[in-house]
Protein backbone atom coordinates (compact mmCIF):
# COMPACT_ATOMS: atom_id res chain seq x y z
CA MET A 1 19.54 -19.73 23.21
CA ARG A 2 17.68 -21.00 26.03
CA SER A 3 14.51 -19.62 27.22
CA PRO A 4 13.63 -17.28 29.79
CA SER A 5 12.73 -19.73 32.31
CA GLN A 6 15.61 -22.14 31.72
CA VAL A 7 17.83 -19.01 31.70
CA LEU A 8 16.51 -17.48 35.20
CA LEU A 9 16.51 -21.14 36.38
CA LEU A 10 20.20 -21.46 35.67
CA ALA A 11 21.04 -18.17 37.05
CA VAL A 12 19.23 -19.28 40.68
CA LEU A 13 21.16 -22.58 40.30
CA ILE A 14 24.35 -20.59 39.64
CA VAL A 15 24.02 -18.12 42.60
CA SER A 16 23.74 -20.79 45.19
CA LEU A 17 26.81 -22.28 44.56
CA ILE A 18 27.87 -19.10 46.37
CA LEU A 19 26.10 -19.85 49.54
CA PRO A 20 27.96 -22.65 51.84
CA PRO A 21 25.66 -25.63 52.34
CA GLY A 22 23.52 -26.14 55.63
CA LEU A 23 23.90 -22.21 56.07
CA PRO A 24 21.14 -21.13 58.46
CA VAL A 25 18.40 -19.13 56.68
CA ALA A 26 16.64 -16.52 58.30
CA GLY A 27 13.29 -17.02 60.29
CA ALA A 28 13.85 -20.82 59.40
CA ALA A 29 11.29 -22.79 62.05
CA LYS A 30 13.16 -24.92 64.57
CA VAL A 31 12.50 -28.79 63.50
CA ASP A 32 9.60 -29.94 65.06
CA PRO A 33 10.36 -33.76 66.77
CA GLY A 34 6.80 -34.83 66.45
CA ALA A 35 7.17 -34.04 62.45
CA PRO A 36 6.69 -36.75 60.18
CA LYS A 37 9.67 -39.11 59.45
CA ALA A 38 12.23 -38.32 56.58
CA LYS A 39 11.34 -39.26 53.16
CA ARG A 40 13.51 -41.60 51.90
CA ILE A 41 14.98 -40.82 48.09
CA LEU A 42 17.12 -43.44 46.26
CA LEU A 43 18.99 -42.84 42.78
CA VAL A 44 20.68 -44.94 41.04
CA GLY A 45 21.82 -45.23 37.50
CA ASP A 46 24.59 -45.15 35.16
CA SER A 47 27.41 -42.72 34.64
CA LEU A 48 24.77 -39.71 33.89
CA SER A 49 23.57 -40.02 37.45
CA ILE A 50 26.69 -39.58 39.05
CA GLY A 51 26.77 -35.71 38.89
CA LEU A 52 23.23 -35.25 39.38
CA GLY A 53 23.16 -37.59 42.70
CA GLN A 54 25.95 -35.63 43.77
CA GLN A 55 24.17 -32.41 43.15
CA MET A 56 20.92 -33.95 44.42
CA GLU A 57 22.94 -34.73 47.57
CA THR A 58 24.46 -31.17 48.16
CA THR A 59 20.59 -29.87 47.47
CA PHE A 60 19.18 -32.04 50.24
CA ALA A 61 21.99 -31.48 52.85
CA GLY A 62 20.72 -30.31 56.20
CA LYS A 63 17.35 -30.84 55.47
CA PRO A 64 15.79 -33.46 57.83
CA SER A 65 12.70 -34.08 56.03
CA VAL A 66 14.77 -35.96 53.05
CA ARG A 67 17.24 -38.72 53.58
CA PHE A 68 18.74 -38.76 50.21
CA ALA A 69 21.20 -42.01 48.82
CA HIS A 70 22.54 -42.40 45.67
CA LEU A 71 24.69 -44.91 43.30
CA GLY A 72 26.28 -44.76 40.09
CA LYS A 73 28.25 -46.79 37.91
CA VAL A 74 30.10 -45.90 34.61
CA SER A 75 29.30 -47.92 31.36
CA SER A 76 26.91 -49.87 33.41
CA GLY A 77 22.80 -50.70 31.87
CA LEU A 78 20.91 -53.37 31.51
CA ALA A 79 21.84 -54.83 28.48
CA ASN A 80 25.00 -56.16 29.78
CA PRO A 81 24.09 -57.77 33.50
CA ALA A 82 27.34 -59.92 33.52
CA PHE A 83 29.64 -56.32 33.63
CA PHE A 84 27.08 -54.69 36.34
CA ASP A 85 23.96 -56.40 38.08
CA TRP A 86 21.83 -53.59 38.66
CA GLU A 87 18.68 -56.45 39.83
CA ALA A 88 21.31 -57.44 42.66
CA THR A 89 22.51 -53.89 42.88
CA LEU A 90 19.17 -51.98 43.20
CA ASP A 91 17.87 -54.98 45.73
CA ALA A 92 20.52 -54.70 48.08
CA GLN A 93 19.99 -50.83 47.95
CA VAL A 94 16.41 -51.07 48.63
CA LYS A 95 17.30 -53.54 51.77
CA ALA A 96 19.70 -50.88 53.06
CA HIS A 97 17.86 -47.59 52.40
CA HIS A 98 13.88 -48.91 52.62
CA PRO A 99 13.00 -46.02 49.86
CA ASP A 100 9.64 -44.43 49.77
CA VAL A 101 11.01 -43.22 46.25
CA VAL A 102 13.66 -44.49 43.88
CA MET A 103 14.70 -42.89 40.83
CA ILE A 104 16.23 -44.56 38.37
CA MET A 105 18.56 -43.20 34.92
CA LEU A 106 19.56 -46.21 33.14
CA GLY A 107 19.48 -46.19 28.89
CA ALA A 108 22.94 -44.17 27.26
CA ASN A 109 24.92 -47.69 27.13
CA ASP A 110 21.59 -49.98 26.04
CA ASP A 111 21.88 -49.56 22.68
CA LYS A 112 22.93 -53.37 22.16
CA PRO A 113 21.49 -56.46 21.23
CA LEU A 114 19.56 -57.88 24.41
CA PRO A 115 19.56 -61.72 25.13
CA THR A 116 16.27 -62.93 25.62
CA PRO A 117 14.46 -65.97 28.65
CA SER A 118 14.26 -68.23 25.54
CA GLY A 119 18.31 -67.84 24.39
CA ARG A 120 17.76 -65.80 21.26
CA SER A 121 19.14 -62.39 20.91
CA ALA A 122 16.85 -59.48 20.36
CA PRO A 123 18.24 -56.81 18.02
CA TYR A 124 18.26 -53.31 18.72
CA LYS A 125 15.21 -51.55 18.13
CA SER A 126 13.31 -54.55 17.24
CA ALA A 127 9.67 -55.04 18.69
CA SER A 128 11.73 -58.40 20.56
CA TRP A 129 14.08 -55.92 22.21
CA ASP A 130 11.68 -53.90 23.32
CA VAL A 131 9.49 -56.27 25.11
CA GLU A 132 12.96 -57.79 26.85
CA TYR A 133 13.87 -54.39 27.92
CA ALA A 134 10.30 -53.43 29.06
CA ARG A 135 10.68 -56.62 31.05
CA ARG A 136 13.91 -55.54 32.66
CA ILE A 137 12.74 -52.23 33.76
CA ALA A 138 9.75 -53.98 34.93
CA ARG A 139 11.84 -56.18 37.06
CA LEU A 140 13.63 -52.80 38.13
CA HIS A 141 10.27 -51.47 39.17
CA ALA A 142 9.35 -54.64 41.62
CA ILE A 143 12.75 -54.78 43.56
CA ALA A 144 12.15 -50.66 43.93
CA LYS A 145 8.86 -51.24 45.68
CA SER A 146 9.98 -54.67 47.31
CA GLU A 147 10.31 -53.37 50.56
CA ASN A 148 8.43 -50.68 50.40
CA PRO A 149 5.16 -51.47 48.29
CA ALA A 150 4.20 -47.99 48.68
CA ALA A 151 7.07 -46.68 47.03
CA ALA A 152 6.99 -44.17 44.03
CA VAL A 153 9.02 -45.24 40.91
CA TYR A 154 10.53 -42.68 38.74
CA LEU A 155 12.52 -43.84 35.28
CA ILE A 156 14.53 -40.74 34.14
CA GLY A 157 15.00 -40.28 30.62
CA VAL A 158 18.21 -40.19 28.77
CA PRO A 159 19.04 -36.44 28.21
CA ILE A 160 19.66 -35.04 24.41
CA MET A 161 22.67 -36.27 22.94
CA GLY A 162 25.07 -34.69 20.49
CA ASP A 163 25.51 -36.85 17.99
CA ALA A 164 22.11 -37.11 15.67
CA ALA A 165 22.41 -41.09 15.46
CA PHE A 166 23.18 -41.63 18.96
CA ASP A 167 20.51 -39.34 19.93
CA ALA A 168 17.73 -41.13 17.94
CA GLY A 169 18.71 -44.38 19.02
CA MET A 170 18.10 -42.81 22.62
CA GLY A 171 14.92 -41.71 21.50
CA HIS A 172 13.96 -45.18 20.96
CA VAL A 173 15.17 -46.58 24.72
CA ASN A 174 12.95 -43.16 25.85
CA GLY A 175 9.81 -44.27 24.18
CA VAL A 176 10.31 -47.74 25.63
CA LEU A 177 11.00 -46.20 29.23
CA ALA A 178 7.69 -44.11 28.57
CA LYS A 179 5.81 -46.60 27.47
CA THR A 180 6.74 -48.99 30.22
CA ALA A 181 5.72 -46.49 33.03
CA ALA A 182 2.66 -46.00 31.96
CA ASN A 183 1.70 -49.79 32.23
CA LEU A 184 3.63 -49.89 35.90
CA PRO A 185 2.07 -49.01 39.41
CA ASP A 186 3.23 -45.74 40.96
CA CYS A 187 5.81 -45.36 38.23
CA THR A 188 6.35 -42.08 36.27
CA TYR A 189 8.64 -41.42 32.93
CA ILE A 190 10.26 -38.25 33.16
CA ASN A 191 11.17 -36.36 30.29
CA VAL A 192 14.26 -34.46 30.39
CA ARG A 193 15.04 -33.77 26.41
CA ASP A 194 14.45 -30.01 27.03
CA VAL A 195 16.25 -29.38 30.08
CA LEU A 196 20.08 -29.43 28.23
CA ALA A 197 18.33 -28.13 24.99
CA ASP A 198 18.04 -24.82 23.86
CA ALA A 199 15.18 -23.08 22.89
CA SER A 200 14.10 -24.46 19.44
CA GLY A 201 15.35 -28.13 21.06
CA ALA A 202 18.71 -28.64 19.69
CA TYR A 203 21.52 -30.06 21.91
CA ALA A 204 23.16 -27.12 23.69
CA PRO A 205 26.83 -27.42 25.29
CA VAL A 206 26.63 -24.42 26.83
CA ALA A 207 24.37 -21.76 28.11
CA ARG A 208 24.27 -18.21 29.29
CA THR A 209 23.11 -17.32 32.68
CA ALA A 210 20.91 -13.85 32.97
CA SER A 211 24.02 -12.12 33.80
CA GLY A 212 26.09 -13.28 30.56
CA VAL A 213 28.23 -15.76 31.75
CA VAL A 214 28.55 -18.71 29.78
CA VAL A 215 28.72 -22.09 31.47
CA LYS A 216 29.35 -25.50 29.74
CA LEU A 217 26.42 -27.78 30.37
CA ARG A 218 28.25 -30.82 28.89
CA ALA A 219 31.17 -32.90 28.57
CA ASP A 220 33.41 -32.37 24.76
CA ASP A 221 32.50 -36.10 24.30
CA GLY A 222 28.64 -34.72 23.90
CA VAL A 223 27.31 -37.56 26.44
CA HIS A 224 28.19 -36.95 29.81
CA ILE A 225 27.08 -33.96 31.95
CA SER A 226 28.92 -30.84 33.59
CA ALA A 227 27.92 -29.63 37.26
CA ALA A 228 26.36 -27.08 35.71
CA GLY A 229 24.18 -29.52 33.59
CA SER A 230 23.54 -31.84 36.73
CA ARG A 231 21.64 -28.60 38.26
CA LEU A 232 19.37 -28.26 36.17
CA LEU A 233 18.36 -32.21 36.04
CA ALA A 234 18.43 -32.01 39.66
CA ALA A 235 15.64 -28.61 39.40
CA ARG A 236 13.88 -30.92 37.56
CA LEU A 237 13.89 -33.71 39.81
CA ILE A 238 13.34 -31.84 42.40
CA GLU A 239 10.44 -30.03 41.08
């Protein structure tokens, strides 16, 4: 079971799918040519961010007050830059979009040892791992603000996972993300664990809307997120 507020939010989001994107709203004000420039938002991350980016893109479509861009890479993270270099990629994205807001959703693939600048390997969950992971996050934070020093950076936590052991590991990653964000300027950690959990805080693969319709929130692997689940995440981030 989900809390009444979560049920209501999910119902509103699902109903919104019936309306075509860009449908004119009665009484909507005309765009003022002298209005402030659009806020530029960039979302980057691993595969969990891809559906989220698609939902946010749909939400912002036709809204001149927002320019939204997103890039997600399956199986990527900060533990293996040889596979996918997020520092170089984020640098290119920031140069291309000059964002005012940068949202970063990484961590689900980072439950691995990390090589350190000293040449040693930091075991996952060790104190040295925490230091090295925080250093890598801080590098992304600096890159995110490199084109716009006033940019706000948001670190999106890893959602609750279906496998208990894996979820516990992701809790450790989230702890490092939260602590790192607290020590960086203009940086905020967003905890999204409750978004895809039931009222007791347990993993929720499905949810029931106010009208009684059961919708799937997660993939069968207990990790990836459905379109309905991504809409709930999008609502949390926009909030």
